[in-house]
Amino acid sequence: MTRIDDAVRRILRVKFTLGLFENPLADYKLVKHVGSQAHRELAREAVRKSLVLLKNGANANGPMLPLPKKASRILVAGSHANNLGYQCGGWTITWQGVEGNNVTIGTTILDAITASVDSNTEVVYSESPTTEFLKSNNFSYSIVVVGELPYAETAGDSMNLTITKGGIDTMSNVCGNTKCVVVLISGRPLVVQPYLSNIDALVAAWLPGSEGQGVADVLFGDYEFRGKLSRTWFKNVDQLPMNVGDKNYDHFILWIWAHYN
């Protein structure tokens, strides 16, 4: 009971400080500032700083990232590459979130990539390309954006914590036929260990929201990776719960952690 009293006291203290009991309604004069360019630039910065580099090449001598902006032709694939709703996740406009690009104003990761590369670089988008398509095009490299669907609260409960909506097949097919970077869109660690050997570089982008340009800023080396994991990334769900110091602690090994100046 003492702990509950302390928590309630802290909440009430903040409300009193903000004057919410005297003026409980929001000041609508500030609505015009919501979604301003300054807000979007700050959100883009937050995206850049949150990206975590999980793998970068087979060894330190052959990093995949940062990607060159000048290339003849590159492929962008995956269910999450051109979907603002998936980037935003749950608790965005609606409780469980939505899919598609009508949820809000923003920049998809596909649009961000297109805006970042050299004007002579051809960007080809295919959500789930066939093996024949991959082999018939001479792609310099591919960026595969996959992850999980939006959720909130218990709707997100999962016993397998896996990549969804055909993402595994797309990732395996593309990375099996081209040099590839996988960008993972999720609100939590997912199982990736079984696919690592096929992936050249892996980035945890979490839920970048409306500012997909922040992802491209780091992929192409305009900014360096700065994000760190806040918890252990497991190999499989059977290990959970797992914490540093556990007797059978066996985490997902980060192959290369590269920083660029």
Protein backbone atom coordinates (compact mmCIF):
# COMPACT_ATOMS: atom_id res chain seq x y z
CA MET A 1 0.00 0.00 0.00
CA THR A 2 2.90 2.34 0.72
CA ARG A 3 4.18 1.83 -2.83
CA ILE A 4 0.75 2.64 -4.29
CA ASP A 5 0.45 5.78 -2.15
CA ASP A 6 3.86 6.91 -3.36
CA ALA A 7 2.93 6.38 -7.03
CA VAL A 8 -0.38 8.24 -6.66
CA ARG A 9 1.33 11.07 -4.78
CA ARG A 10 3.82 11.53 -7.63
CA ILE A 11 1.04 11.64 -10.24
CA LEU A 12 -1.02 14.15 -8.26
CA ARG A 13 2.03 16.33 -7.64
CA VAL A 14 2.64 16.68 -11.37
CA LYS A 15 -1.04 17.45 -12.03
CA PHE A 16 -1.07 20.13 -9.33
CA THR A 17 2.14 21.63 -10.72
CA LEU A 18 0.63 21.79 -14.21
CA GLY A 19 -2.57 23.34 -12.87
CA LEU A 20 -4.76 20.59 -14.28
CA PHE A 21 -7.27 20.77 -11.44
CA GLU A 22 -7.90 24.47 -12.09
CA ASN A 23 -7.72 24.17 -15.90
CA PRO A 24 -8.39 20.55 -16.88
CA LEU A 25 -8.84 21.18 -20.62
CA ALA A 26 -5.99 21.57 -23.10
CA ASP A 27 -5.08 24.96 -24.53
CA TYR A 28 -6.28 24.72 -28.13
CA LYS A 29 -4.18 27.72 -29.11
CA LEU A 30 -1.22 25.32 -29.26
CA VAL A 31 -2.88 22.93 -31.73
CA LYS A 32 -1.42 24.83 -34.69
CA HIS A 33 2.06 23.81 -33.53
CA VAL A 34 1.32 20.07 -33.56
CA GLY A 35 3.08 18.43 -36.49
CA SER A 36 5.08 21.55 -37.28
CA GLN A 37 8.34 21.30 -39.18
CA ALA A 38 10.25 21.80 -35.95
CA HIS A 39 8.40 18.86 -34.39
CA ARG A 40 9.11 16.67 -37.42
CA GLU A 41 12.80 17.52 -37.41
CA LEU A 42 12.99 16.57 -33.74
CA ALA A 43 11.17 13.30 -34.44
CA ARG A 44 13.55 12.57 -37.32
CA GLU A 45 16.50 13.13 -34.99
CA ALA A 46 14.97 10.74 -32.46
CA VAL A 47 14.66 8.08 -35.17
CA ARG A 48 18.31 8.49 -36.16
CA LYS A 49 19.50 8.15 -32.58
CA SER A 50 17.35 5.09 -31.84
CA LEU A 51 18.55 2.82 -34.66
CA VAL A 52 20.58 -0.17 -33.46
CA LEU A 53 23.09 -1.91 -35.71
CA LEU A 54 22.82 -5.65 -35.07
CA LYS A 55 24.98 -6.99 -37.88
CA ASN A 56 27.24 -5.38 -40.46
CA GLY A 57 28.96 -7.84 -42.78
CA ALA A 58 30.59 -11.17 -42.03
CA ASN A 59 33.59 -9.48 -40.42
CA ALA A 60 35.09 -6.07 -39.67
CA ASN A 61 36.94 -6.04 -42.99
CA GLY A 62 33.79 -6.24 -45.09
CA PRO A 63 31.03 -4.00 -43.68
CA MET A 64 27.84 -3.59 -45.67
CA LEU A 65 26.91 -0.24 -44.14
CA PRO A 66 26.88 2.61 -44.82
CA LEU A 67 25.31 2.08 -48.23
CA PRO A 68 26.58 3.96 -51.28
CA LYS A 69 24.18 6.55 -52.62
CA LYS A 70 25.54 6.08 -56.11
CA ALA A 71 24.55 2.74 -57.62
CA SER A 72 23.13 1.62 -60.92
CA ARG A 73 20.01 -0.07 -59.54
CA ILE A 74 18.83 -0.94 -56.04
CA LEU A 75 15.85 -2.91 -54.77
CA VAL A 76 13.56 -1.98 -51.90
CA ALA A 77 11.33 -4.84 -50.74
CA GLY A 78 9.19 -5.96 -47.83
CA SER A 79 5.72 -5.34 -46.41
CA HIS A 80 6.92 -2.48 -44.19
CA ALA A 81 8.88 -0.47 -46.75
CA ASN A 82 5.95 1.61 -47.97
CA ASN A 83 3.52 1.62 -45.05
CA LEU A 84 3.22 4.51 -42.60
CA GLY A 85 0.75 2.59 -40.46
CA TYR A 86 3.27 -0.18 -39.86
CA GLN A 87 5.99 2.38 -39.09
CA CYS A 88 3.79 4.02 -36.47
CA GLY A 89 2.48 0.89 -34.75
CA GLY A 90 -0.32 0.80 -32.18
CA TRP A 91 -1.72 3.78 -30.27
CA THR A 92 -1.46 5.89 -33.44
CA ILE A 93 -4.70 7.74 -34.28
CA THR A 94 -6.56 4.55 -33.31
CA TRP A 95 -6.06 2.14 -30.42
CA GLN A 96 -4.61 -0.79 -32.37
CA GLY A 97 -3.07 1.27 -35.15
CA VAL A 98 -3.83 0.79 -38.84
CA GLU A 99 -2.04 -0.20 -42.02
CA GLY A 100 -1.53 1.90 -45.12
CA ASN A 101 -0.42 5.44 -45.86
CA ASN A 102 -3.59 7.35 -44.94
CA VAL A 103 -3.07 7.23 -41.18
CA THR A 104 -1.16 10.52 -41.01
CA ILE A 105 1.24 12.77 -42.90
CA GLY A 106 4.76 11.39 -43.04
CA THR A 107 7.58 9.81 -45.00
CA THR A 108 7.74 6.09 -45.67
CA ILE A 109 11.11 4.38 -45.63
CA LEU A 110 10.76 3.78 -49.37
CA ASP A 111 10.24 7.49 -50.01
CA ALA A 112 13.15 8.29 -47.71
CA ILE A 113 15.48 5.96 -49.60
CA THR A 114 14.40 7.41 -52.94
CA ALA A 115 15.06 10.93 -51.68
CA SER A 116 18.49 10.00 -50.29
CA VAL A 117 20.20 8.26 -53.19
CA ASP A 118 21.92 9.89 -56.15
CA SER A 119 19.60 11.15 -58.87
CA ASN A 120 21.09 8.62 -61.30
CA THR A 121 20.43 5.66 -59.00
CA GLU A 122 17.39 3.64 -60.08
CA VAL A 123 15.20 2.60 -57.13
CA VAL A 124 12.98 -0.42 -57.81
CA TYR A 125 10.23 -1.30 -55.34
CA SER A 126 8.64 -4.74 -55.11
CA GLU A 127 6.98 -5.82 -51.88
CA SER A 128 7.60 -9.52 -52.49
CA PRO A 129 9.75 -10.08 -55.59
CA THR A 130 10.04 -13.49 -57.20
CA THR A 131 13.30 -15.36 -57.54
CA GLU A 132 13.13 -14.93 -61.32
CA PHE A 133 12.72 -11.17 -60.91
CA LEU A 134 15.71 -10.99 -58.57
CA LYS A 135 17.95 -12.99 -60.88
CA SER A 136 16.92 -11.10 -64.01
CA ASN A 137 17.86 -7.71 -62.55
CA ASN A 138 21.39 -6.72 -61.70
CA PHE A 139 20.74 -5.06 -58.35
CA SER A 140 23.72 -3.43 -56.67
CA TYR A 141 22.11 -4.19 -53.31
CA SER A 142 18.70 -4.60 -51.68
CA ILE A 143 17.00 -3.08 -48.65
CA VAL A 144 14.35 -5.33 -47.11
CA VAL A 145 11.97 -3.73 -44.61
CA VAL A 146 9.94 -6.23 -42.59
CA GLY A 147 8.64 -6.60 -39.04
CA GLU A 148 5.44 -7.08 -37.08
CA LEU A 149 1.93 -5.69 -37.44
CA PRO A 150 0.62 -2.83 -35.26
CA TYR A 151 -0.80 -3.75 -31.86
CA ALA A 152 -1.56 -2.35 -28.43
CA GLU A 153 -1.80 -4.01 -25.04
CA THR A 154 -2.94 -7.67 -24.98
CA ALA A 155 -3.63 -7.70 -28.74
CA GLY A 156 0.14 -7.82 -29.11
CA ASP A 157 0.63 -10.87 -26.92
CA SER A 158 2.67 -13.45 -28.83
CA MET A 159 4.06 -16.88 -28.08
CA ASN A 160 6.49 -16.84 -31.02
CA LEU A 161 7.61 -13.19 -31.50
CA THR A 162 8.22 -13.71 -35.19
CA ILE A 163 8.37 -11.51 -38.27
CA THR A 164 4.92 -11.38 -39.85
CA LYS A 165 3.02 -11.05 -43.12
CA GLY A 166 5.28 -13.01 -45.44
CA GLY A 167 8.31 -11.10 -44.24
CA ILE A 168 10.39 -14.20 -43.59
CA ASP A 169 9.88 -15.53 -47.12
CA THR A 170 10.62 -12.14 -48.69
CA MET A 171 13.71 -11.66 -46.55
CA SER A 172 15.03 -15.16 -47.28
CA ASN A 173 14.39 -14.88 -51.01
CA VAL A 174 15.87 -11.41 -51.50
CA CYS A 175 18.87 -11.95 -49.24
CA GLY A 176 19.51 -15.32 -50.86
CA ASN A 177 19.89 -13.71 -54.28
CA THR A 178 21.33 -10.23 -53.64
CA LYS A 179 23.45 -8.35 -51.14
CA CYS A 180 20.94 -7.16 -48.59
CA VAL A 181 20.28 -4.98 -45.59
CA VAL A 182 17.29 -5.94 -43.45
CA VAL A 183 15.53 -3.15 -41.55
CA LEU A 184 13.36 -4.55 -38.77
CA ILE A 185 10.22 -2.59 -37.80
CA SER A 186 8.96 -3.70 -34.39
CA GLY A 187 8.18 -2.55 -30.89
CA ARG A 188 10.32 -5.30 -29.33
CA PRO A 189 13.02 -7.85 -30.19
CA LEU A 190 11.87 -10.57 -32.59
CA VAL A 191 13.36 -13.94 -33.50
CA VAL A 192 16.04 -13.33 -36.17
CA GLN A 193 18.75 -15.86 -35.30
CA PRO A 194 17.65 -18.51 -37.88
CA TYR A 195 18.05 -16.02 -40.75
CA LEU A 196 21.27 -14.24 -39.77
CA SER A 197 23.64 -16.22 -41.98
CA ASN A 198 21.69 -15.09 -45.05
CA ILE A 199 21.64 -11.40 -44.10
CA ASP A 200 24.55 -9.04 -44.84
CA ALA A 201 23.41 -6.29 -42.45
CA LEU A 202 20.63 -6.04 -39.89
CA VAL A 203 19.20 -2.88 -38.34
CA ALA A 204 16.61 -2.59 -35.57
CA ALA A 205 14.59 0.52 -36.46
CA TRP A 206 11.86 -0.09 -33.85
CA LEU A 207 8.79 2.07 -34.69
CA PRO A 208 10.09 5.17 -36.50
CA GLY A 209 6.64 6.72 -36.81
CA SER A 210 6.05 9.34 -39.46
CA GLU A 211 9.71 10.21 -40.01
CA GLY A 212 11.13 7.42 -42.15
CA GLN A 213 13.80 9.81 -43.41
CA GLY A 214 15.62 9.30 -40.12
CA VAL A 215 16.19 5.65 -41.09
CA ALA A 216 17.69 6.58 -44.46
CA ASP A 217 19.88 9.24 -42.82
CA VAL A 218 21.79 6.50 -41.02
CA LEU A 219 21.66 3.75 -43.66
CA PHE A 220 23.49 5.99 -46.12
CA GLY A 221 26.03 7.30 -43.62
CA ASP A 222 24.90 10.89 -43.16
CA TYR A 223 24.79 10.07 -39.45
CA GLU A 224 26.36 7.24 -37.48
CA PHE A 225 24.60 4.53 -35.50
CA ARG A 226 24.12 5.57 -31.88
CA GLY A 227 21.37 3.32 -30.53
CA LYS A 228 22.06 0.66 -27.91
CA LEU A 229 19.93 -2.27 -26.84
CA SER A 230 18.00 -1.68 -23.63
CA ARG A 231 17.65 -5.41 -23.00
CA THR A 232 19.11 -8.73 -24.11
CA TRP A 233 18.10 -9.84 -27.61
CA PHE A 234 17.25 -13.53 -27.32
CA LYS A 235 17.88 -16.29 -29.85
CA ASN A 236 14.51 -18.01 -29.38
CA VAL A 237 11.42 -17.55 -27.22
CA ASP A 238 12.14 -20.70 -25.20
CA GLN A 239 14.91 -18.74 -23.48
CA LEU A 240 12.51 -16.17 -22.04
CA PRO A 241 12.65 -14.69 -19.52
CA MET A 242 16.41 -14.17 -19.87
CA ASN A 243 18.68 -11.71 -18.12
CA VAL A 244 22.40 -11.10 -17.80
CA GLY A 245 23.81 -13.36 -15.11
CA ASP A 246 21.37 -16.22 -15.67
CA LYS A 247 22.99 -19.65 -15.52
CA ASN A 248 22.07 -20.51 -19.11
CA TYR A 249 22.52 -17.00 -20.51
CA ASP A 250 22.96 -17.37 -24.28
CA HIS A 251 22.11 -14.19 -26.15
CA PHE A 252 21.82 -13.31 -29.81
CA ILE A 253 25.45 -12.46 -30.65
CA LEU A 254 26.09 -9.16 -32.35
CA TRP A 255 28.46 -10.03 -35.17
CA ILE A 256 29.81 -6.56 -35.89
CA TRP A 257 29.12 -3.27 -34.12
CA ALA A 258 30.37 -0.58 -36.45
CA HIS A 259 30.46 3.17 -36.01
CA TYR A 260 31.20 5.63 -38.76
CA ASN A 261 32.67 9.10 -38.56
